[in-house]
Amino acid sequence: MNRLPTLFVAHGAPPLLDDAAWMAELRAWARDLPQPRAILMLSAHWETDVLTTGAEDSVPLIYDFGGFPRRFYEMQYPSPGVPWLAARVHELAEQAGMASASQPTRGLDHGAYVPLMAMYPDASVPVLQVSIPSRDPQALMAVGRALKPLRDEGVLIVASGLLTHNLRHFTGVNTPPPAWATAFDDWVQQTLDSGDLTRLASFLELAPHARLAHPQEDHFVPLFIAAAAAEGEGTRHPIEGWVWGPFSKRSVEFGERL
């Protein structure tokens, strides 16, 4: 079985689904990727104390947002469950000396299913969501390294977040990004392309305007899992640009396609 890359996917709120250009970019990226046997999704919107697997069989959706049109609360994404992958995640965690847990009724949150609706709209690929068990970069890179064997087993590891995420600076549709956002995004791109994960892990100290870009780190830290699971194998940036002012659309593909 061929080795799959890992992904960091920028996700938006449900109105992303009305953005034809962004949807087309995500769909084109998925079509260009090897077809995965299953998807392991790690979203910024599920944080726990230990690595935790979600629903394994019937995978419901969580409408974890407010203030949007009713149709967004009626969306469905009936992806198949994947119990074998949950068992494999627990096995890999144990081998790495990590605690793990399960929440078998926990469904997909919008950070998981919104980008998947764009990338795999027929919902035919089995999906398992796994929690983000820390905001510490070193701990998350250890998770990524532990999960790396899944890439040789047909599993596409997808981390979902945003490289800039400051809701207080939302400036509306079709507005240019502020200078602080572009400076931070440029720093991240250059650091990723250098392969220096140690430098990346110090983003709060080293990156320009880090606290403006991320008042909280939740949308940034999934990046460490995807990067570490393909450490030293190079990067691509299939999607770049800006949406709704200061929100970077940058999505990153890590690793070789073998």
C-alpha atoms as a PDB file:
ATOM      1  CA  MET A   1       0.000   0.000   0.000  1.00  0.00           C
ATOM      2  CA  ASN A   2       1.316   3.442  -0.890  1.00  0.00           C
ATOM      3  CA  ARG A   3       2.268   5.997   1.762  1.00  0.00           C
ATOM      4  CA  LEU A   4      -0.095   8.951   2.087  1.00  0.00           C
ATOM      5  CA  PRO A   5       0.901  12.505   2.968  1.00  0.00           C
ATOM      6  CA  THR A   6      -0.568  14.349   5.936  1.00  0.00           C
ATOM      7  CA  LEU A   7      -2.629  17.519   5.698  1.00  0.00           C
ATOM      8  CA  PHE A   8      -3.254  20.719   7.588  1.00  0.00           C
ATOM      9  CA  VAL A   9      -6.551  22.052   6.266  1.00  0.00           C
ATOM     10  CA  ALA A  10      -7.809  25.568   6.900  1.00  0.00           C
ATOM     11  CA  HIS A  11     -11.479  25.318   7.799  1.00  0.00           C
ATOM     12  CA  GLY A  12     -14.074  28.031   8.003  1.00  0.00           C
ATOM     13  CA  ALA A  13     -17.444  28.294   9.647  1.00  0.00           C
ATOM     14  CA  PRO A  14     -20.368  26.750   7.724  1.00  0.00           C
ATOM     15  CA  PRO A  15     -20.523  29.689   5.234  1.00  0.00           C
ATOM     16  CA  LEU A  16     -17.336  28.218   3.746  1.00  0.00           C
ATOM     17  CA  LEU A  17     -19.778  25.914   1.963  1.00  0.00           C
ATOM     18  CA  ASP A  18     -21.155  28.957   0.119  1.00  0.00           C
ATOM     19  CA  ASP A  19     -17.683  30.066  -1.017  1.00  0.00           C
ATOM     20  CA  ALA A  20     -17.505  28.495  -4.475  1.00  0.00           C
ATOM     21  CA  ALA A  21     -13.847  29.341  -5.029  1.00  0.00           C
ATOM     22  CA  TRP A  22     -12.658  27.901  -1.709  1.00  0.00           C
ATOM     23  CA  MET A  23     -14.832  24.814  -2.153  1.00  0.00           C
ATOM     24  CA  ALA A  24     -13.346  24.274  -5.612  1.00  0.00           C
ATOM     25  CA  GLU A  25      -9.800  24.556  -4.268  1.00  0.00           C
ATOM     26  CA  LEU A  26     -10.454  21.986  -1.549  1.00  0.00           C
ATOM     27  CA  ARG A  27     -12.173  19.622  -3.982  1.00  0.00           C
ATOM     28  CA  ALA A  28      -9.345  19.887  -6.511  1.00  0.00           C
ATOM     29  CA  TRP A  29      -6.805  19.122  -3.802  1.00  0.00           C
ATOM     30  CA  ALA A  30      -8.680  16.001  -2.715  1.00  0.00           C
ATOM     31  CA  ARG A  31      -8.973  14.786  -6.307  1.00  0.00           C
ATOM     32  CA  ASP A  32      -5.212  15.148  -6.692  1.00  0.00           C
ATOM     33  CA  LEU A  33      -4.498  13.064  -3.590  1.00  0.00           C
ATOM     34  CA  PRO A  34      -4.303   9.269  -3.570  1.00  0.00           C
ATOM     35  CA  GLN A  35      -7.643   7.777  -2.538  1.00  0.00           C
ATOM     36  CA  PRO A  36      -7.493   7.068   1.201  1.00  0.00           C
ATOM     37  CA  ARG A  37      -8.784   3.921   2.858  1.00  0.00           C
ATOM     38  CA  ALA A  38      -9.906   6.060   5.797  1.00  0.00           C
ATOM     39  CA  ILE A  39      -9.484   9.575   7.201  1.00  0.00           C
ATOM     40  CA  LEU A  40      -8.210  10.352  10.680  1.00  0.00           C
ATOM     41  CA  MET A  41      -9.455  13.853  11.499  1.00  0.00           C
ATOM     42  CA  LEU A  42      -8.071  16.090  14.250  1.00  0.00           C
ATOM     43  CA  SER A  43     -10.014  19.331  14.619  1.00  0.00           C
ATOM     44  CA  ALA A  44      -9.271  22.453  16.633  1.00  0.00           C
ATOM     45  CA  HIS A  45     -12.779  22.159  18.071  1.00  0.00           C
ATOM     46  CA  TRP A  46     -12.227  19.027  20.151  1.00  0.00           C
ATOM     47  CA  GLU A  47      -9.711  19.293  22.972  1.00  0.00           C
ATOM     48  CA  THR A  48      -9.326  16.745  25.786  1.00  0.00           C
ATOM     49  CA  ASP A  49      -6.802  15.801  28.455  1.00  0.00           C
ATOM     50  CA  VAL A  50      -5.773  12.581  26.683  1.00  0.00           C
ATOM     51  CA  LEU A  51      -5.908  11.368  23.100  1.00  0.00           C
ATOM     52  CA  THR A  52      -9.528  10.336  22.586  1.00  0.00           C
ATOM     53  CA  THR A  53     -11.312   8.622  19.720  1.00  0.00           C
ATOM     54  CA  GLY A  54     -14.841   9.599  18.762  1.00  0.00           C
ATOM     55  CA  ALA A  55     -17.737   7.699  17.182  1.00  0.00           C
ATOM     56  CA  GLU A  56     -16.582   4.473  15.545  1.00  0.00           C
ATOM     57  CA  ASP A  57     -19.730   3.154  13.852  1.00  0.00           C
ATOM     58  CA  SER A  58     -22.528   5.588  13.063  1.00  0.00           C
ATOM     59  CA  VAL A  59     -20.905   9.020  12.968  1.00  0.00           C
ATOM     60  CA  PRO A  60     -23.297  11.889  13.834  1.00  0.00           C
ATOM     61  CA  LEU A  61     -22.646  15.593  13.364  1.00  0.00           C
ATOM     62  CA  ILE A  62     -22.302  18.224  16.070  1.00  0.00           C
ATOM     63  CA  TYR A  63     -23.702  21.641  15.148  1.00  0.00           C
ATOM     64  CA  ASP A  64     -21.234  23.514  17.329  1.00  0.00           C
ATOM     65  CA  PHE A  65     -21.973  27.047  16.114  1.00  0.00           C
ATOM     66  CA  GLY A  66     -24.664  29.670  16.419  1.00  0.00           C
ATOM     67  CA  GLY A  67     -26.315  32.476  14.506  1.00  0.00           C
ATOM     68  CA  PHE A  68     -26.342  30.897  11.044  1.00  0.00           C
ATOM     69  CA  PRO A  69     -29.277  30.081   8.720  1.00  0.00           C
ATOM     70  CA  ARG A  70     -31.349  27.045   9.604  1.00  0.00           C
ATOM     71  CA  ARG A  71     -30.064  25.022   6.649  1.00  0.00           C
ATOM     72  CA  PHE A  72     -26.655  24.766   8.288  1.00  0.00           C
ATOM     73  CA  TYR A  73     -28.249  22.925  11.209  1.00  0.00           C
ATOM     74  CA  GLU A  74     -29.828  20.399   8.867  1.00  0.00           C
ATOM     75  CA  MET A  75     -26.655  19.379   7.054  1.00  0.00           C
ATOM     76  CA  GLN A  76     -25.727  15.709   6.989  1.00  0.00           C
ATOM     77  CA  TYR A  77     -22.457  13.934   6.254  1.00  0.00           C
ATOM     78  CA  PRO A  78     -23.120  10.190   6.548  1.00  0.00           C
ATOM     79  CA  SER A  79     -19.537   8.954   6.397  1.00  0.00           C
ATOM     80  CA  PRO A  80     -19.012   5.293   7.344  1.00  0.00           C
ATOM     81  CA  GLY A  81     -17.587   4.496  10.742  1.00  0.00           C
ATOM     82  CA  VAL A  82     -14.202   2.837  11.045  1.00  0.00           C
ATOM     83  CA  PRO A  83     -13.832   0.735  14.248  1.00  0.00           C
ATOM     84  CA  TRP A  84     -10.548  -0.835  13.143  1.00  0.00           C
ATOM     85  CA  LEU A  85      -8.937   2.595  12.945  1.00  0.00           C
ATOM     86  CA  ALA A  86     -10.021   3.471  16.479  1.00  0.00           C
ATOM     87  CA  ALA A  87      -8.457   0.234  17.726  1.00  0.00           C
ATOM     88  CA  ARG A  88      -5.289   1.010  15.795  1.00  0.00           C
ATOM     89  CA  VAL A  89      -5.043   4.539  17.279  1.00  0.00           C
ATOM     90  CA  HIS A  90      -5.271   3.103  20.794  1.00  0.00           C
ATOM     91  CA  GLU A  91      -2.641   0.506  19.914  1.00  0.00           C
ATOM     92  CA  LEU A  92      -0.228   3.134  18.581  1.00  0.00           C
ATOM     93  CA  ALA A  93      -0.814   5.362  21.609  1.00  0.00           C
ATOM     94  CA  GLU A  94      -0.002   2.465  23.939  1.00  0.00           C
ATOM     95  CA  GLN A  95       3.162   1.672  22.000  1.00  0.00           C
ATOM     96  CA  ALA A  96       4.241   5.307  22.393  1.00  0.00           C
ATOM     97  CA  GLY A  97       3.500   5.300  26.123  1.00  0.00           C
ATOM     98  CA  MET A  98       0.539   7.645  25.756  1.00  0.00           C
ATOM     99  CA  ALA A  99      -2.778   7.434  27.563  1.00  0.00           C
ATOM    100  CA  SER A 100      -5.867   7.213  25.372  1.00  0.00           C
ATOM    101  CA  ALA A 101      -9.619   7.076  25.795  1.00  0.00           C
ATOM    102  CA  SER A 102     -12.803   6.790  23.760  1.00  0.00           C
ATOM    103  CA  GLN A 103     -16.073   8.701  23.496  1.00  0.00           C
ATOM    104  CA  PRO A 104     -18.086   6.399  21.211  1.00  0.00           C
ATOM    105  CA  THR A 105     -21.054   8.768  20.926  1.00  0.00           C
ATOM    106  CA  ARG A 106     -19.020  11.876  20.038  1.00  0.00           C
ATOM    107  CA  GLY A 107     -19.684  12.940  16.454  1.00  0.00           C
ATOM    108  CA  LEU A 108     -17.882  15.139  13.957  1.00  0.00           C
ATOM    109  CA  ASP A 109     -17.698  18.855  14.744  1.00  0.00           C
ATOM    110  CA  HIS A 110     -17.761  21.579  12.092  1.00  0.00           C
ATOM    111  CA  GLY A 111     -13.973  21.746  11.974  1.00  0.00           C
ATOM    112  CA  ALA A 112     -14.108  18.177  10.699  1.00  0.00           C
ATOM    113  CA  TYR A 113     -17.143  17.928   8.458  1.00  0.00           C
ATOM    114  CA  VAL A 114     -17.132  21.356   6.800  1.00  0.00           C
ATOM    115  CA  PRO A 115     -13.808  20.784   4.992  1.00  0.00           C
ATOM    116  CA  LEU A 116     -14.703  17.143   4.361  1.00  0.00           C
ATOM    117  CA  MET A 117     -17.941  18.195   2.670  1.00  0.00           C
ATOM    118  CA  ALA A 118     -15.818  20.174   0.249  1.00  0.00           C
ATOM    119  CA  MET A 119     -13.096  17.578  -0.239  1.00  0.00           C
ATOM    120  CA  TYR A 120     -15.086  14.319  -0.212  1.00  0.00           C
ATOM    121  CA  PRO A 121     -18.686  15.412  -0.829  1.00  0.00           C
ATOM    122  CA  ASP A 122     -20.082  11.913  -1.341  1.00  0.00           C
ATOM    123  CA  ALA A 123     -19.075  10.960   2.240  1.00  0.00           C
ATOM    124  CA  SER A 124     -17.881   7.566   1.021  1.00  0.00           C
ATOM    125  CA  VAL A 125     -14.533   7.573   2.872  1.00  0.00           C
ATOM    126  CA  PRO A 126     -14.741   6.295   6.475  1.00  0.00           C
ATOM    127  CA  VAL A 127     -13.886   8.989   9.035  1.00  0.00           C
ATOM    128  CA  LEU A 128     -12.702   8.810  12.629  1.00  0.00           C
ATOM    129  CA  GLN A 129     -12.239  11.993  14.631  1.00  0.00           C
ATOM    130  CA  VAL A 130      -9.576  12.050  17.323  1.00  0.00           C
ATOM    131  CA  SER A 131      -9.169  14.798  19.906  1.00  0.00           C
ATOM    132  CA  ILE A 132      -6.366  17.297  20.354  1.00  0.00           C
ATOM    133  CA  PRO A 133      -4.954  16.177  23.725  1.00  0.00           C
ATOM    134  CA  SER A 134      -2.791  19.212  24.526  1.00  0.00           C
ATOM    135  CA  ARG A 135      -1.763  22.644  23.306  1.00  0.00           C
ATOM    136  CA  ASP A 136       1.885  21.932  23.992  1.00  0.00           C
ATOM    137  CA  PRO A 137       3.768  21.694  20.679  1.00  0.00           C
ATOM    138  CA  GLN A 138       6.167  19.007  21.903  1.00  0.00           C
ATOM    139  CA  ALA A 139       3.341  16.803  23.158  1.00  0.00           C
ATOM    140  CA  LEU A 140       1.459  17.204  19.888  1.00  0.00           C
ATOM    141  CA  MET A 141       4.512  16.420  17.790  1.00  0.00           C
ATOM    142  CA  ALA A 142       4.873  13.225  19.816  1.00  0.00           C
ATOM    143  CA  VAL A 143       1.278  12.380  18.872  1.00  0.00           C
ATOM    144  CA  GLY A 144       2.056  12.990  15.215  1.00  0.00           C
ATOM    145  CA  ARG A 145       5.103  10.724  15.341  1.00  0.00           C
ATOM    146  CA  ALA A 146       3.093   8.009  17.083  1.00  0.00           C
ATOM    147  CA  LEU A 147       0.407   8.128  14.389  1.00  0.00           C
ATOM    148  CA  LYS A 148       2.872   8.127  11.484  1.00  0.00           C
ATOM    149  CA  PRO A 149       2.540   4.361  10.747  1.00  0.00           C
ATOM    150  CA  LEU A 150      -1.072   4.953   9.705  1.00  0.00           C
ATOM    151  CA  ARG A 151       0.186   6.663   6.556  1.00  0.00           C
ATOM    152  CA  ASP A 152       1.435   3.302   5.289  1.00  0.00           C
ATOM    153  CA  GLU A 153      -1.946   1.724   6.082  1.00  0.00           C
ATOM    154  CA  GLY A 154      -4.038   3.873   3.759  1.00  0.00           C
ATOM    155  CA  VAL A 155      -5.036   6.458   6.376  1.00  0.00           C
ATOM    156  CA  LEU A 156      -5.060  10.146   5.500  1.00  0.00           C
ATOM    157  CA  ILE A 157      -4.174  12.140   8.632  1.00  0.00           C
ATOM    158  CA  VAL A 158      -5.946  15.519   8.460  1.00  0.00           C
ATOM    159  CA  ALA A 159      -5.410  18.283  11.010  1.00  0.00           C
ATOM    160  CA  SER A 160      -7.981  21.071  10.785  1.00  0.00           C
ATOM    161  CA  GLY A 161      -7.556  24.630  12.037  1.00  0.00           C
ATOM    162  CA  LEU A 162      -6.523  28.081  10.803  1.00  0.00           C
ATOM    163  CA  LEU A 163      -3.071  29.605  10.540  1.00  0.00           C
ATOM    164  CA  THR A 164      -4.486  32.970  11.635  1.00  0.00           C
ATOM    165  CA  HIS A 165      -7.525  33.122  13.905  1.00  0.00           C
ATOM    166  CA  ASN A 166      -8.582  36.336  15.590  1.00  0.00           C
ATOM    167  CA  LEU A 167     -12.351  36.763  15.525  1.00  0.00           C
ATOM    168  CA  ARG A 168     -12.149  40.284  16.960  1.00  0.00           C
ATOM    169  CA  HIS A 169     -10.469  41.444  13.762  1.00  0.00           C
ATOM    170  CA  PHE A 170     -13.058  40.031  11.357  1.00  0.00           C
ATOM    171  CA  THR A 171     -13.505  42.717   8.711  1.00  0.00           C
ATOM    172  CA  GLY A 172     -16.036  41.169   6.350  1.00  0.00           C
ATOM    173  CA  VAL A 173     -16.090  39.557   2.954  1.00  0.00           C
ATOM    174  CA  ASN A 174     -13.694  40.757   0.242  1.00  0.00           C
ATOM    175  CA  THR A 175     -11.521  42.838   2.553  1.00  0.00           C
ATOM    176  CA  PRO A 176      -7.711  42.620   2.440  1.00  0.00           C
ATOM    177  CA  PRO A 177      -5.766  41.052   5.297  1.00  0.00           C
ATOM    178  CA  PRO A 178      -3.989  43.335   7.765  1.00  0.00           C
ATOM    179  CA  ALA A 179      -0.203  43.538   7.740  1.00  0.00           C
ATOM    180  CA  TRP A 180       0.144  41.643  11.020  1.00  0.00           C
ATOM    181  CA  ALA A 181      -1.719  38.661   9.564  1.00  0.00           C
ATOM    182  CA  THR A 182       0.369  38.478   6.393  1.00  0.00           C
ATOM    183  CA  ALA A 183       3.591  38.801   8.397  1.00  0.00           C
ATOM    184  CA  PHE A 184       2.611  35.880  10.632  1.00  0.00           C
ATOM    185  CA  ASP A 185       1.443  33.756   7.690  1.00  0.00           C
ATOM    186  CA  ASP A 186       4.709  34.425   5.812  1.00  0.00           C
ATOM    187  CA  TRP A 187       6.746  33.401   8.858  1.00  0.00           C
ATOM    188  CA  VAL A 188       4.820  30.147   9.175  1.00  0.00           C
ATOM    189  CA  GLN A 189       5.261  29.321   5.494  1.00  0.00           C
ATOM    190  CA  GLN A 190       9.006  29.955   5.611  1.00  0.00           C
ATOM    191  CA  THR A 191       9.422  27.979   8.824  1.00  0.00           C
ATOM    192  CA  LEU A 192       7.442  25.020   7.499  1.00  0.00           C
ATOM    193  CA  ASP A 193       9.389  24.995   4.257  1.00  0.00           C
ATOM    194  CA  SER A 194      12.661  24.989   6.204  1.00  0.00           C
ATOM    195  CA  GLY A 195      11.549  21.857   8.040  1.00  0.00           C
ATOM    196  CA  ASP A 196      12.553  23.385  11.384  1.00  0.00           C
ATOM    197  CA  LEU A 197       9.881  22.073  13.750  1.00  0.00           C
ATOM    198  CA  THR A 198      11.869  23.254  16.766  1.00  0.00           C
ATOM    199  CA  ARG A 199      11.561  26.826  15.512  1.00  0.00           C
ATOM    200  CA  LEU A 200       7.898  26.273  14.673  1.00  0.00           C
ATOM    201  CA  ALA A 201       7.247  25.073  18.214  1.00  0.00           C
ATOM    202  CA  SER A 202       8.474  28.447  19.498  1.00  0.00           C
ATOM    203  CA  PHE A 203       6.022  30.403  17.363  1.00  0.00           C
ATOM    204  CA  LEU A 204       4.654  32.401  20.281  1.00  0.00           C
ATOM    205  CA  GLU A 205       8.128  33.760  20.995  1.00  0.00           C
ATOM    206  CA  LEU A 206       9.558  33.969  17.468  1.00  0.00           C
ATOM    207  CA  ALA A 207       6.763  34.662  15.003  1.00  0.00           C
ATOM    208  CA  PRO A 208       5.776  38.287  14.348  1.00  0.00           C
ATOM    209  CA  HIS A 209       2.426  39.291  15.869  1.00  0.00           C
ATOM    210  CA  ALA A 210       1.804  35.775  17.193  1.00  0.00           C
ATOM    211  CA  ARG A 211      -0.695  36.856  19.838  1.00  0.00           C
ATOM    212  CA  LEU A 212      -2.610  38.974  17.343  1.00  0.00           C
ATOM    213  CA  ALA A 213      -2.787  36.006  15.007  1.00  0.00           C
ATOM    214  CA  HIS A 214      -3.758  33.661  17.848  1.00  0.00           C
ATOM    215  CA  PRO A 215      -5.190  35.109  21.064  1.00  0.00           C
ATOM    216  CA  GLN A 216      -5.672  31.415  21.853  1.00  0.00           C
ATOM    217  CA  GLU A 217      -3.604  28.683  20.213  1.00  0.00           C
ATOM    218  CA  ASP A 218      -6.394  26.174  19.573  1.00  0.00           C
ATOM    219  CA  HIS A 219      -6.629  26.701  15.798  1.00  0.00           C
ATOM    220  CA  PHE A 220      -2.859  26.666  15.292  1.00  0.00           C
ATOM    221  CA  VAL A 221      -1.719  23.666  17.309  1.00  0.00           C
ATOM    222  CA  PRO A 222      -3.273  20.906  15.141  1.00  0.00           C
ATOM    223  CA  LEU A 223      -0.540  21.860  12.671  1.00  0.00           C
ATOM    224  CA  PHE A 224       2.084  20.194  14.881  1.00  0.00           C
ATOM    225  CA  ILE A 225       0.471  16.763  14.564  1.00  0.00           C
ATOM    226  CA  ALA A 226       0.348  16.843  10.769  1.00  0.00           C
ATOM    227  CA  ALA A 227       3.877  18.241  10.483  1.00  0.00           C
ATOM    228  CA  ALA A 228       5.460  15.720  12.851  1.00  0.00           C
ATOM    229  CA  ALA A 229       3.741  12.744  11.210  1.00  0.00           C
ATOM    230  CA  ALA A 230       5.699  13.574   8.027  1.00  0.00           C
ATOM    231  CA  GLU A 231       8.760  15.194   9.574  1.00  0.00           C
ATOM    232  CA  GLY A 232      11.633  15.815   7.182  1.00  0.00           C
ATOM    233  CA  GLU A 233       9.668  14.941   4.049  1.00  0.00           C
ATOM    234  CA  GLY A 234       8.958  18.419   2.685  1.00  0.00           C
ATOM    235  CA  THR A 235       5.882  20.590   2.293  1.00  0.00           C
ATOM    236  CA  ARG A 236       3.477  21.863  -0.362  1.00  0.00           C
ATOM    237  CA  HIS A 237       0.958  24.709  -0.103  1.00  0.00           C
ATOM    238  CA  PRO A 238      -1.990  23.699  -2.307  1.00  0.00           C
ATOM    239  CA  ILE A 239      -4.229  26.531  -1.068  1.00  0.00           C
ATOM    240  CA  GLU A 240      -3.157  30.064  -0.191  1.00  0.00           C
ATOM    241  CA  GLY A 241      -4.887  33.398   0.180  1.00  0.00           C
ATOM    242  CA  TRP A 242      -7.271  35.136   2.559  1.00  0.00           C
ATOM    243  CA  VAL A 243     -10.909  35.144   3.504  1.00  0.00           C
ATOM    244  CA  TRP A 244     -13.067  37.430   5.660  1.00  0.00           C
ATOM    245  CA  GLY A 245     -10.171  39.805   6.336  1.00  0.00           C
ATOM    246  CA  PRO A 246      -7.488  38.358   8.618  1.00  0.00           C
ATOM    247  CA  PHE A 247      -8.151  34.623   8.130  1.00  0.00           C
ATOM    248  CA  SER A 248      -5.489  32.745   6.182  1.00  0.00           C
ATOM    249  CA  LYS A 249      -6.749  30.042   3.829  1.00  0.00           C
ATOM    250  CA  ARG A 250      -3.299  28.454   3.722  1.00  0.00           C
ATOM    251  CA  SER A 251      -3.509  24.680   3.748  1.00  0.00           C
ATOM    252  CA  VAL A 252      -0.410  22.508   3.812  1.00  0.00           C
ATOM    253  CA  GLU A 253       0.471  19.051   2.540  1.00  0.00           C
ATOM    254  CA  PHE A 254       3.321  17.331   4.365  1.00  0.00           C
ATOM    255  CA  GLY A 255       5.324  14.383   3.181  1.00  0.00           C
ATOM    256  CA  GLU A 256       6.044  12.382   0.089  1.00  0.00           C
ATOM    257  CA  ARG A 257       3.447  10.483  -1.859  1.00  0.00           C
ATOM    258  CA  LEU A 258       5.019   7.031  -2.249  1.00  0.00           C
END
